[in-house]
Amino acid sequence: MKDRNHDEAMAEILREDPTLAAEILNGILEDGDQAELLITLRQMTKAFGGVAQVAHESHLNTTQLYRTLSPKGNPRFSSLAAVLKAMGLRLAVHPVKQGRPLSRKRAAQA
């Protein structure tokens, strides 16, 4: 049996189950841990064809993608959305608790 590192194993799991990838990202986004989000996105980049492929599909250059997903990266919304789209995913907003939605007037006052 050949040993694999953690990133390779995660890439294989995420490649085979995009629903799991979405669930993992949603959990990370709920926690708000940017470092963990960037680690997972780097792993996902490997799963979805590598940096060059994801950069091409997201219309980013490879250097920009490396910087965006680096441990000190601070991705812009547009870059994050483009990378996720290249992976067949998207960001979505869900209410934290159930209740009636705010009217525009109430939302403006909040």
PDB file of N, CA and C in Angstrom:
ATOM      1  N   MET A   1       0.840  -1.176   0.000  1.00  0.00           N
ATOM      2  CA  MET A   1       0.000   0.000   0.000  1.00  0.00           C
ATOM      3  C   MET A   1       0.888   1.243   0.000  1.00  0.00           C
ATOM      4  N   LYS A   2       0.627   2.125  -0.917  1.00  0.00           N
ATOM      5  CA  LYS A   2       1.405   3.358  -1.027  1.00  0.00           C
ATOM      6  C   LYS A   2       0.865   4.412  -0.056  1.00  0.00           C
ATOM      7  N   ASP A   3       1.773   5.050   0.675  1.00  0.00           N
ATOM      8  CA  ASP A   3       1.375   6.122   1.580  1.00  0.00           C
ATOM      9  C   ASP A   3       1.069   7.379   0.782  1.00  0.00           C
ATOM     10  N   ARG A   4       0.044   8.105   1.215  1.00  0.00           N
ATOM     11  CA  ARG A   4      -0.302   9.392   0.613  1.00  0.00           C
ATOM     12  C   ARG A   4      -0.306  10.442   1.710  1.00  0.00           C
ATOM     13  N   ASN A   5       0.004  11.672   1.327  1.00  0.00           N
ATOM     14  CA  ASN A   5      -0.091  12.720   2.332  1.00  0.00           C
ATOM     15  C   ASN A   5      -1.550  13.160   2.467  1.00  0.00           C
ATOM     16  N   HIS A   6      -1.811  13.931   3.474  1.00  0.00           N
ATOM     17  CA  HIS A   6      -3.178  14.357   3.780  1.00  0.00           C
ATOM     18  C   HIS A   6      -3.811  15.125   2.625  1.00  0.00           C
ATOM     19  N   ASP A   7      -3.065  16.060   2.028  1.00  0.00           N
ATOM     20  CA  ASP A   7      -3.615  16.861   0.930  1.00  0.00           C
ATOM     21  C   ASP A   7      -4.041  15.986  -0.242  1.00  0.00           C
ATOM     22  N   GLU A   8      -3.232  14.982  -0.588  1.00  0.00           N
ATOM     23  CA  GLU A   8      -3.582  14.096  -1.694  1.00  0.00           C
ATOM     24  C   GLU A   8      -4.847  13.297  -1.370  1.00  0.00           C
ATOM     25  N   ALA A   9      -4.939  12.807  -0.157  1.00  0.00           N
ATOM     26  CA  ALA A   9      -6.113  12.038   0.252  1.00  0.00           C
ATOM     27  C   ALA A   9      -7.368  12.910   0.228  1.00  0.00           C
ATOM     28  N   MET A  10      -7.255  14.136   0.744  1.00  0.00           N
ATOM     29  CA  MET A  10      -8.403  15.046   0.729  1.00  0.00           C
ATOM     30  C   MET A  10      -8.797  15.410  -0.694  1.00  0.00           C
ATOM     31  N   ALA A  11      -7.826  15.634  -1.559  1.00  0.00           N
ATOM     32  CA  ALA A  11      -8.126  15.962  -2.954  1.00  0.00           C
ATOM     33  C   ALA A  11      -8.936  14.845  -3.602  1.00  0.00           C
ATOM     34  N   GLU A  12      -8.550  13.613  -3.345  1.00  0.00           N
ATOM     35  CA  GLU A  12      -9.281  12.478  -3.924  1.00  0.00           C
ATOM     36  C   GLU A  12     -10.712  12.419  -3.399  1.00  0.00           C
ATOM     37  N   ILE A  13     -10.875  12.602  -2.100  1.00  0.00           N
ATOM     38  CA  ILE A  13     -12.211  12.570  -1.497  1.00  0.00           C
ATOM     39  C   ILE A  13     -13.084  13.679  -2.071  1.00  0.00           C
ATOM     40  N   LEU A  14     -12.544  14.887  -2.167  1.00  0.00           N
ATOM     41  CA  LEU A  14     -13.319  16.033  -2.653  1.00  0.00           C
ATOM     42  C   LEU A  14     -13.647  15.896  -4.133  1.00  0.00           C
ATOM     43  N   ARG A  15     -12.742  15.346  -4.907  1.00  0.00           N
ATOM     44  CA  ARG A  15     -12.964  15.134  -6.334  1.00  0.00           C
ATOM     45  C   ARG A  15     -14.109  14.145  -6.554  1.00  0.00           C
ATOM     46  N   GLU A  16     -14.158  13.123  -5.713  1.00  0.00           N
ATOM     47  CA  GLU A  16     -15.164  12.082  -5.872  1.00  0.00           C
ATOM     48  C   GLU A  16     -16.524  12.474  -5.318  1.00  0.00           C
ATOM     49  N   ASP A  17     -16.574  13.463  -4.427  1.00  0.00           N
ATOM     50  CA  ASP A  17     -17.843  13.833  -3.788  1.00  0.00           C
ATOM     51  C   ASP A  17     -17.975  15.347  -3.652  1.00  0.00           C
ATOM     52  N   PRO A  18     -18.404  16.036  -4.728  1.00  0.00           N
ATOM     53  CA  PRO A  18     -18.555  17.497  -4.664  1.00  0.00           C
ATOM     54  C   PRO A  18     -19.560  17.951  -3.605  1.00  0.00           C
ATOM     55  N   THR A  19     -20.545  17.107  -3.290  1.00  0.00           N
ATOM     56  CA  THR A  19     -21.502  17.469  -2.245  1.00  0.00           C
ATOM     57  C   THR A  19     -20.797  17.561  -0.898  1.00  0.00           C
ATOM     58  N   LEU A  20     -19.906  16.641  -0.644  1.00  0.00           N
ATOM     59  CA  LEU A  20     -19.112  16.691   0.585  1.00  0.00           C
ATOM     60  C   LEU A  20     -18.246  17.945   0.606  1.00  0.00           C
ATOM     61  N   ALA A  21     -17.672  18.292  -0.530  1.00  0.00           N
ATOM     62  CA  ALA A  21     -16.859  19.514  -0.620  1.00  0.00           C
ATOM     63  C   ALA A  21     -17.692  20.729  -0.224  1.00  0.00           C
ATOM     64  N   ALA A  22     -18.917  20.808  -0.728  1.00  0.00           N
ATOM     65  CA  ALA A  22     -19.799  21.932  -0.399  1.00  0.00           C
ATOM     66  C   ALA A  22     -20.132  21.936   1.091  1.00  0.00           C
ATOM     67  N   GLU A  23     -20.402  20.765   1.655  1.00  0.00           N
ATOM     68  CA  GLU A  23     -20.727  20.680   3.085  1.00  0.00           C
ATOM     69  C   GLU A  23     -19.540  21.114   3.941  1.00  0.00           C
ATOM     70  N   ILE A  24     -18.350  20.695   3.559  1.00  0.00           N
ATOM     71  CA  ILE A  24     -17.152  21.085   4.308  1.00  0.00           C
ATOM     72  C   ILE A  24     -16.969  22.601   4.264  1.00  0.00           C
ATOM     73  N   LEU A  25     -17.101  23.177   3.067  1.00  0.00           N
ATOM     74  CA  LEU A  25     -16.947  24.632   2.944  1.00  0.00           C
ATOM     75  C   LEU A  25     -18.019  25.371   3.733  1.00  0.00           C
ATOM     76  N   ASN A  26     -19.251  24.899   3.692  1.00  0.00           N
ATOM     77  CA  ASN A  26     -20.318  25.547   4.460  1.00  0.00           C
ATOM     78  C   ASN A  26     -20.021  25.514   5.949  1.00  0.00           C
ATOM     79  N   GLY A  27     -19.498  24.394   6.449  1.00  0.00           N
ATOM     80  CA  GLY A  27     -19.127  24.314   7.861  1.00  0.00           C
ATOM     81  C   GLY A  27     -18.033  25.304   8.219  1.00  0.00           C
ATOM     82  N   ILE A  28     -17.060  25.428   7.342  1.00  0.00           N
ATOM     83  CA  ILE A  28     -15.964  26.376   7.579  1.00  0.00           C
ATOM     84  C   ILE A  28     -16.487  27.807   7.546  1.00  0.00           C
ATOM     85  N   LEU A  29     -17.349  28.109   6.586  1.00  0.00           N
ATOM     86  CA  LEU A  29     -17.907  29.461   6.496  1.00  0.00           C
ATOM     87  C   LEU A  29     -18.757  29.800   7.721  1.00  0.00           C
ATOM     88  N   GLU A  30     -19.464  28.815   8.271  1.00  0.00           N
ATOM     89  CA  GLU A  30     -20.242  29.051   9.489  1.00  0.00           C
ATOM     90  C   GLU A  30     -19.329  29.431  10.645  1.00  0.00           C
ATOM     91  N   ASP A  31     -18.170  28.773  10.723  1.00  0.00           N
ATOM     92  CA  ASP A  31     -17.220  29.056  11.795  1.00  0.00           C
ATOM     93  C   ASP A  31     -16.461  30.360  11.562  1.00  0.00           C
ATOM     94  N   GLY A  32     -16.337  30.769  10.301  1.00  0.00           N
ATOM     95  CA  GLY A  32     -15.642  32.002   9.978  1.00  0.00           C
ATOM     96  C   GLY A  32     -14.129  31.912  10.065  1.00  0.00           C
ATOM     97  N   ASP A  33     -13.564  30.725   9.897  1.00  0.00           N
ATOM     98  CA  ASP A  33     -12.121  30.540   9.997  1.00  0.00           C
ATOM     99  C   ASP A  33     -11.479  30.667   8.619  1.00  0.00           C
ATOM    100  N   GLN A  34     -10.933  31.848   8.321  1.00  0.00           N
ATOM    101  CA  GLN A  34     -10.378  32.111   6.996  1.00  0.00           C
ATOM    102  C   GLN A  34      -9.184  31.224   6.682  1.00  0.00           C
ATOM    103  N   ALA A  35      -8.339  30.965   7.662  1.00  0.00           N
ATOM    104  CA  ALA A  35      -7.164  30.113   7.418  1.00  0.00           C
ATOM    105  C   ALA A  35      -7.610  28.715   7.004  1.00  0.00           C
ATOM    106  N   GLU A  36      -8.591  28.170   7.706  1.00  0.00           N
ATOM    107  CA  GLU A  36      -9.097  26.837   7.362  1.00  0.00           C
ATOM    108  C   GLU A  36      -9.761  26.843   5.986  1.00  0.00           C
ATOM    109  N   LEU A  37     -10.461  27.921   5.660  1.00  0.00           N
ATOM    110  CA  LEU A  37     -11.087  28.047   4.339  1.00  0.00           C
ATOM    111  C   LEU A  37     -10.021  27.998   3.243  1.00  0.00           C
ATOM    112  N   LEU A  38      -8.929  28.721   3.416  1.00  0.00           N
ATOM    113  CA  LEU A  38      -7.878  28.754   2.400  1.00  0.00           C
ATOM    114  C   LEU A  38      -7.177  27.403   2.258  1.00  0.00           C
ATOM    115  N   ILE A  39      -6.974  26.711   3.375  1.00  0.00           N
ATOM    116  CA  ILE A  39      -6.374  25.373   3.312  1.00  0.00           C
ATOM    117  C   ILE A  39      -7.272  24.445   2.506  1.00  0.00           C
ATOM    118  N   THR A  40      -8.542  24.466   2.798  1.00  0.00           N
ATOM    119  CA  THR A  40      -9.484  23.586   2.108  1.00  0.00           C
ATOM    120  C   THR A  40      -9.586  23.945   0.636  1.00  0.00           C
ATOM    121  N   LEU A  41      -9.585  25.231   0.310  1.00  0.00           N
ATOM    122  CA  LEU A  41      -9.627  25.632  -1.096  1.00  0.00           C
ATOM    123  C   LEU A  41      -8.367  25.195  -1.835  1.00  0.00           C
ATOM    124  N   ARG A  42      -7.207  25.227  -1.166  1.00  0.00           N
ATOM    125  CA  ARG A  42      -5.986  24.717  -1.802  1.00  0.00           C
ATOM    126  C   ARG A  42      -6.124  23.225  -2.080  1.00  0.00           C
ATOM    127  N   GLN A  43      -6.651  22.481  -1.126  1.00  0.00           N
ATOM    128  CA  GLN A  43      -6.874  21.047  -1.330  1.00  0.00           C
ATOM    129  C   GLN A  43      -7.869  20.824  -2.469  1.00  0.00           C
ATOM    130  N   MET A  44      -8.897  21.638  -2.508  1.00  0.00           N
ATOM    131  CA  MET A  44      -9.908  21.495  -3.553  1.00  0.00           C
ATOM    132  C   MET A  44      -9.340  21.838  -4.925  1.00  0.00           C
ATOM    133  N   THR A  45      -8.421  22.792  -4.963  1.00  0.00           N
ATOM    134  CA  THR A  45      -7.785  23.141  -6.231  1.00  0.00           C
ATOM    135  C   THR A  45      -7.085  21.927  -6.817  1.00  0.00           C
ATOM    136  N   LYS A  46      -6.400  21.164  -5.972  1.00  0.00           N
ATOM    137  CA  LYS A  46      -5.769  19.926  -6.438  1.00  0.00           C
ATOM    138  C   LYS A  46      -6.816  18.950  -6.945  1.00  0.00           C
ATOM    139  N   ALA A  47      -7.941  18.877  -6.245  1.00  0.00           N
ATOM    140  CA  ALA A  47      -8.992  17.931  -6.620  1.00  0.00           C
ATOM    141  C   ALA A  47      -9.642  18.287  -7.952  1.00  0.00           C
ATOM    142  N   PHE A  48      -9.686  19.556  -8.270  1.00  0.00           N
ATOM    143  CA  PHE A  48     -10.388  20.003  -9.467  1.00  0.00           C
ATOM    144  C   PHE A  48      -9.436  20.395 -10.593  1.00  0.00           C
ATOM    145  N   GLY A  49      -8.340  19.662 -10.727  1.00  0.00           N
ATOM    146  CA  GLY A  49      -7.468  19.825 -11.880  1.00  0.00           C
ATOM    147  C   GLY A  49      -6.166  20.540 -11.643  1.00  0.00           C
ATOM    148  N   GLY A  50      -5.934  21.050 -10.466  1.00  0.00           N
ATOM    149  CA  GLY A  50      -4.694  21.751 -10.168  1.00  0.00           C
ATOM    150  C   GLY A  50      -4.811  23.254 -10.351  1.00  0.00           C
ATOM    151  N   VAL A  51      -3.787  23.947  -9.916  1.00  0.00           N
ATOM    152  CA  VAL A  51      -3.794  25.413  -9.939  1.00  0.00           C
ATOM    153  C   VAL A  51      -3.961  25.952 -11.354  1.00  0.00           C
ATOM    154  N   ALA A  52      -3.221  25.402 -12.306  1.00  0.00           N
ATOM    155  CA  ALA A  52      -3.300  25.919 -13.675  1.00  0.00           C
ATOM    156  C   ALA A  52      -4.711  25.771 -14.245  1.00  0.00           C
ATOM    157  N   GLN A  53      -5.331  24.623 -14.010  1.00  0.00           N
ATOM    158  CA  GLN A  53      -6.682  24.384 -14.533  1.00  0.00           C
ATOM    159  C   GLN A  53      -7.710  25.298 -13.864  1.00  0.00           C
ATOM    160  N   VAL A  54      -7.673  25.383 -12.550  1.00  0.00           N
ATOM    161  CA  VAL A  54      -8.628  26.233 -11.830  1.00  0.00           C
ATOM    162  C   VAL A  54      -8.398  27.698 -12.176  1.00  0.00           C
ATOM    163  N   ALA A  55      -7.145  28.116 -12.287  1.00  0.00           N
ATOM    164  CA  ALA A  55      -6.853  29.500 -12.676  1.00  0.00           C
ATOM    165  C   ALA A  55      -7.437  29.799 -14.056  1.00  0.00           C
ATOM    166  N   HIS A  56      -7.250  28.879 -14.988  1.00  0.00           N
ATOM    167  CA  HIS A  56      -7.775  29.071 -16.342  1.00  0.00           C
ATOM    168  C   HIS A  56      -9.297  29.188 -16.319  1.00  0.00           C
ATOM    169  N   GLU A  57      -9.954  28.263 -15.631  1.00  0.00           N
ATOM    170  CA  GLU A  57     -11.414  28.251 -15.606  1.00  0.00           C
ATOM    171  C   GLU A  57     -12.002  29.417 -14.815  1.00  0.00           C
ATOM    172  N   SER A  58     -11.247  29.964 -13.873  1.00  0.00           N
ATOM    173  CA  SER A  58     -11.747  31.087 -13.081  1.00  0.00           C
ATOM    174  C   SER A  58     -11.302  32.437 -13.641  1.00  0.00           C
ATOM    175  N   HIS A  59     -10.549  32.395 -14.749  1.00  0.00           N
ATOM    176  CA  HIS A  59     -10.048  33.615 -15.411  1.00  0.00           C
ATOM    177  C   HIS A  59      -9.119  34.419 -14.504  1.00  0.00           C
ATOM    178  N   LEU A  60      -8.344  33.697 -13.693  1.00  0.00           N
ATOM    179  CA  LEU A  60      -7.303  34.300 -12.870  1.00  0.00           C
ATOM    180  C   LEU A  60      -5.970  33.770 -13.383  1.00  0.00           C
ATOM    181  N   ASN A  61      -4.891  34.529 -13.181  1.00  0.00           N
ATOM    182  CA  ASN A  61      -3.605  33.952 -13.554  1.00  0.00           C
ATOM    183  C   ASN A  61      -3.107  33.093 -12.395  1.00  0.00           C
ATOM    184  N   THR A  62      -2.209  32.194 -12.689  1.00  0.00           N
ATOM    185  CA  THR A  62      -1.776  31.234 -11.676  1.00  0.00           C
ATOM    186  C   THR A  62      -1.113  31.913 -10.475  1.00  0.00           C
ATOM    187  N   THR A  63      -0.343  32.954 -10.725  1.00  0.00           N
ATOM    188  CA  THR A  63       0.302  33.673  -9.623  1.00  0.00           C
ATOM    189  C   THR A  63      -0.747  34.271  -8.697  1.00  0.00           C
ATOM    190  N   GLN A  64      -1.774  34.869  -9.293  1.00  0.00           N
ATOM    191  CA  GLN A  64      -2.851  35.467  -8.504  1.00  0.00           C
ATOM    192  C   GLN A  64      -3.565  34.394  -7.678  1.00  0.00           C
ATOM    193  N   LEU A  65      -3.809  33.233  -8.271  1.00  0.00           N
ATOM    194  CA  LEU A  65      -4.483  32.161  -7.546  1.00  0.00           C
ATOM    195  C   LEU A  65      -3.610  31.642  -6.404  1.00  0.00           C
ATOM    196  N   TYR A  66      -2.310  31.438  -6.657  1.00  0.00           N
ATOM    197  CA  TYR A  66      -1.400  31.021  -5.583  1.00  0.00           C
ATOM    198  C   TYR A  66      -1.435  32.019  -4.425  1.00  0.00           C
ATOM    199  N   ARG A  67      -1.368  33.303  -4.732  1.00  0.00           N
ATOM    200  CA  ARG A  67      -1.386  34.339  -3.686  1.00  0.00           C
ATOM    201  C   ARG A  67      -2.718  34.355  -2.953  1.00  0.00           C
ATOM    202  N   THR A  68      -3.797  34.227  -3.701  1.00  0.00           N
ATOM    203  CA  THR A  68      -5.130  34.250  -3.102  1.00  0.00           C
ATOM    204  C   THR A  68      -5.300  33.126  -2.092  1.00  0.00           C
ATOM    205  N   LEU A  69      -4.794  31.940  -2.428  1.00  0.00           N
ATOM    206  CA  LEU A  69      -4.994  30.771  -1.574  1.00  0.00           C
ATOM    207  C   LEU A  69      -3.832  30.507  -0.620  1.00  0.00           C
ATOM    208  N   SER A  70      -2.858  31.410  -0.598  1.00  0.00           N
ATOM    209  CA  SER A  70      -1.709  31.235   0.306  1.00  0.00           C
ATOM    210  C   SER A  70      -2.174  31.404   1.756  1.00  0.00           C
ATOM    211  N   PRO A  71      -1.377  30.918   2.718  1.00  0.00           N
ATOM    212  CA  PRO A  71      -1.760  31.066   4.127  1.00  0.00           C
ATOM    213  C   PRO A  71      -2.007  32.524   4.538  1.00  0.00           C
ATOM    214  N   LYS A  72      -1.364  33.463   3.867  1.00  0.00           N
ATOM    215  CA  LYS A  72      -1.586  34.876   4.173  1.00  0.00           C
ATOM    216  C   LYS A  72      -2.544  35.529   3.177  1.00  0.00           C
ATOM    217  N   GLY A  73      -3.177  34.714   2.347  1.00  0.00           N
ATOM    218  CA  GLY A  73      -4.080  35.239   1.329  1.00  0.00           C
ATOM    219  C   GLY A  73      -5.311  35.893   1.929  1.00  0.00           C
ATOM    220  N   ASN A  74      -5.839  36.832   1.203  1.00  0.00           N
ATOM    221  CA  ASN A  74      -7.066  37.512   1.600  1.00  0.00           C
ATOM    222  C   ASN A  74      -7.913  37.661   0.338  1.00  0.00           C
ATOM    223  N   PRO A  75      -8.601  36.582  -0.047  1.00  0.00           N
ATOM    224  CA  PRO A  75      -9.290  36.599  -1.337  1.00  0.00           C
ATOM    225  C   PRO A  75     -10.386  37.649  -1.409  1.00  0.00           C
ATOM    226  N   ARG A  76     -10.442  38.301  -2.555  1.00  0.00           N
ATOM    227  CA  ARG A  76     -11.541  39.209  -2.833  1.00  0.00           C
ATOM    228  C   ARG A  76     -12.767  38.357  -3.126  1.00  0.00           C
ATOM    229  N   PHE A  77     -13.930  38.933  -2.923  1.00  0.00           N
ATOM    230  CA  PHE A  77     -15.170  38.204  -3.187  1.00  0.00           C
ATOM    231  C   PHE A  77     -15.206  37.706  -4.624  1.00  0.00           C
ATOM    232  N   SER A  78     -14.816  38.549  -5.557  1.00  0.00           N
ATOM    233  CA  SER A  78     -14.880  38.164  -6.975  1.00  0.00           C
ATOM    234  C   SER A  78     -13.953  36.983  -7.266  1.00  0.00           C
ATOM    235  N   SER A  79     -12.776  36.961  -6.654  1.00  0.00           N
ATOM    236  CA  SER A  79     -11.843  35.843  -6.853  1.00  0.00           C
ATOM    237  C   SER A  79     -12.385  34.567  -6.225  1.00  0.00           C
ATOM    238  N   LEU A  80     -12.902  34.677  -5.013  1.00  0.00           N
ATOM    239  CA  LEU A  80     -13.462  33.520  -4.334  1.00  0.00           C
ATOM    240  C   LEU A  80     -14.634  32.946  -5.121  1.00  0.00           C
ATOM    241  N   ALA A  81     -15.519  33.809  -5.587  1.00  0.00           N
ATOM    242  CA  ALA A  81     -16.668  33.347  -6.366  1.00  0.00           C
ATOM    243  C   ALA A  81     -16.222  32.685  -7.665  1.00  0.00           C
ATOM    244  N   ALA A  82     -15.207  33.241  -8.316  1.00  0.00           N
ATOM    245  CA  ALA A  82     -14.705  32.666  -9.571  1.00  0.00           C
ATOM    246  C   ALA A  82     -14.063  31.308  -9.347  1.00  0.00           C
ATOM    247  N   VAL A  83     -13.297  31.167  -8.270  1.00  0.00           N
ATOM    248  CA  VAL A  83     -12.654  29.888  -7.967  1.00  0.00           C
ATOM    249  C   VAL A  83     -13.709  28.834  -7.661  1.00  0.00           C
ATOM    250  N   LEU A  84     -14.683  29.192  -6.844  1.00  0.00           N
ATOM    251  CA  LEU A  84     -15.748  28.237  -6.524  1.00  0.00           C
ATOM    252  C   LEU A  84     -16.529  27.840  -7.770  1.00  0.00           C
ATOM    253  N   LYS A  85     -16.813  28.796  -8.634  1.00  0.00           N
ATOM    254  CA  LYS A  85     -17.541  28.499  -9.874  1.00  0.00           C
ATOM    255  C   LYS A  85     -16.742  27.520 -10.742  1.00  0.00           C
ATOM    256  N   ALA A  86     -15.424  27.708 -10.793  1.00  0.00           N
ATOM    257  CA  ALA A  86     -14.569  26.799 -11.563  1.00  0.00           C
ATOM    258  C   ALA A  86     -14.632  25.380 -11.008  1.00  0.00           C
ATOM    259  N   MET A  87     -14.977  25.255  -9.732  1.00  0.00           N
ATOM    260  CA  MET A  87     -15.085  23.954  -9.089  1.00  0.00           C
ATOM    261  C   MET A  87     -16.519  23.423  -9.103  1.00  0.00           C
ATOM    262  N   GLY A  88     -17.404  24.172  -9.744  1.00  0.00           N
ATOM    263  CA  GLY A  88     -18.805  23.744  -9.804  1.00  0.00           C
ATOM    264  C   GLY A  88     -19.585  24.058  -8.542  1.00  0.00           C
ATOM    265  N   LEU A  89     -19.123  25.052  -7.790  1.00  0.00           N
ATOM    266  CA  LEU A  89     -19.761  25.447  -6.539  1.00  0.00           C
ATOM    267  C   LEU A  89     -20.092  26.928  -6.579  1.00  0.00           C
ATOM    268  N   ARG A  90     -20.884  27.377  -5.599  1.00  0.00           N
ATOM    269  CA  ARG A  90     -21.184  28.806  -5.495  1.00  0.00           C
ATOM    270  C   ARG A  90     -21.464  29.163  -4.048  1.00  0.00           C
ATOM    271  N   LEU A  91     -21.328  30.439  -3.748  1.00  0.00           N
ATOM    272  CA  LEU A  91     -21.677  30.936  -2.423  1.00  0.00           C
ATOM    273  C   LEU A  91     -23.176  31.162  -2.355  1.00  0.00           C
ATOM    274  N   ALA A  92     -23.747  30.981  -1.185  1.00  0.00           N
ATOM    275  CA  ALA A  92     -25.167  31.243  -0.975  1.00  0.00           C
ATOM    276  C   ALA A  92     -25.346  31.802   0.431  1.00  0.00           C
ATOM    277  N   VAL A  93     -26.423  32.518   0.635  1.00  0.00           N
ATOM    278  CA  VAL A  93     -26.723  33.099   1.936  1.00  0.00           C
ATOM    279  C   VAL A  93     -27.984  32.428   2.469  1.00  0.00           C
ATOM    280  N   HIS A  94     -27.932  32.037   3.739  1.00  0.00           N
ATOM    281  CA  HIS A  94     -29.068  31.406   4.394  1.00  0.00           C
ATOM    282  C   HIS A  94     -29.293  32.101   5.725  1.00  0.00           C
ATOM    283  N   PRO A  95     -30.550  32.203   6.167  1.00  0.00           N
ATOM    284  CA  PRO A  95     -30.799  32.838   7.460  1.00  0.00           C
ATOM    285  C   PRO A  95     -30.198  32.006   8.591  1.00  0.00           C
ATOM    286  N   VAL A  96     -29.726  32.697   9.611  1.00  0.00           N
ATOM    287  CA  VAL A  96     -29.145  32.024  10.759  1.00  0.00           C
ATOM    288  C   VAL A  96     -30.241  31.348  11.578  1.00  0.00           C
ATOM    289  N   LYS A  97     -31.358  32.039  11.783  1.00  0.00           N
ATOM    290  CA  LYS A  97     -32.468  31.439  12.514  1.00  0.00           C
ATOM    291  C   LYS A  97     -33.747  31.642  11.714  1.00  0.00           C
ATOM    292  N   GLN A  98     -34.661  30.757  11.955  1.00  0.00           N
ATOM    293  CA  GLN A  98     -35.925  30.809  11.232  1.00  0.00           C
ATOM    294  C   GLN A  98     -36.783  31.944  11.782  1.00  0.00           C
ATOM    295  N   GLY A  99     -37.536  32.522  10.942  1.00  0.00           N
ATOM    296  CA  GLY A  99     -38.427  33.609  11.322  1.00  0.00           C
ATOM    297  C   GLY A  99     -38.870  34.310  10.069  1.00  0.00           C
ATOM    298  N   ARG A 100     -39.667  35.303  10.257  1.00  0.00           N
ATOM    299  CA  ARG A 100     -40.133  36.006   9.070  1.00  0.00           C
ATOM    300  C   ARG A 100     -39.035  36.894   8.529  1.00  0.00           C
ATOM    301  N   PRO A 101     -38.928  36.994   7.222  1.00  0.00           N
ATOM    302  CA  PRO A 101     -37.884  37.833   6.631  1.00  0.00           C
ATOM    303  C   PRO A 101     -38.133  39.301   6.920  1.00  0.00           C
ATOM    304  N   LEU A 102     -37.064  40.053   7.005  1.00  0.00           N
ATOM    305  CA  LEU A 102     -37.179  41.488   7.206  1.00  0.00           C
ATOM    306  C   LEU A 102     -37.737  42.166   5.966  1.00  0.00           C
ATOM    307  N   SER A 103     -38.636  43.107   6.187  1.00  0.00           N
ATOM    308  CA  SER A 103     -39.071  43.936   5.073  1.00  0.00           C
ATOM    309  C   SER A 103     -37.922  44.870   4.731  1.00  0.00           C
ATOM    310  N   ARG A 104     -37.974  45.495   3.578  1.00  0.00           N
ATOM    311  CA  ARG A 104     -36.902  46.435   3.224  1.00  0.00           C
ATOM    312  C   ARG A 104     -36.805  47.559   4.242  1.00  0.00           C
ATOM    313  N   LYS A 105     -37.952  48.020   4.731  1.00  0.00           N
ATOM    314  CA  LYS A 105     -37.953  49.103   5.715  1.00  0.00           C
ATOM    315  C   LYS A 105     -37.299  48.626   7.013  1.00  0.00           C
ATOM    316  N   ARG A 106     -37.664  47.431   7.501  1.00  0.00           N
ATOM    317  CA  ARG A 106     -37.075  46.904   8.725  1.00  0.00           C
ATOM    318  C   ARG A 106     -35.600  46.611   8.551  1.00  0.00           C
ATOM    319  N   ALA A 107     -35.230  46.137   7.362  1.00  0.00           N
ATOM    320  CA  ALA A 107     -33.822  45.845   7.091  1.00  0.00           C
ATOM    321  C   ALA A 107     -32.992  47.125   7.130  1.00  0.00           C
ATOM    322  N   ALA A 108     -33.538  48.205   6.607  1.00  0.00           N
ATOM    323  CA  ALA A 108     -32.829  49.488   6.603  1.00  0.00           C
ATOM    324  C   ALA A 108     -32.658  50.025   8.021  1.00  0.00           C
ATOM    325  N   GLN A 109     -33.599  49.700   8.898  1.00  0.00           N
ATOM    326  CA  GLN A 109     -33.544  50.179  10.284  1.00  0.00           C
ATOM    327  C   GLN A 109     -32.620  49.310  11.139  1.00  0.00           C
ATOM    328  N   ALA A 110     -32.379  48.093  10.703  1.00  0.00           N
ATOM    329  CA  ALA A 110     -31.586  47.155  11.514  1.00  0.00           C
ATOM    330  C   ALA A 110     -30.140  47.522  11.569  1.00  0.00           C
TER     331      ALA A 110
END
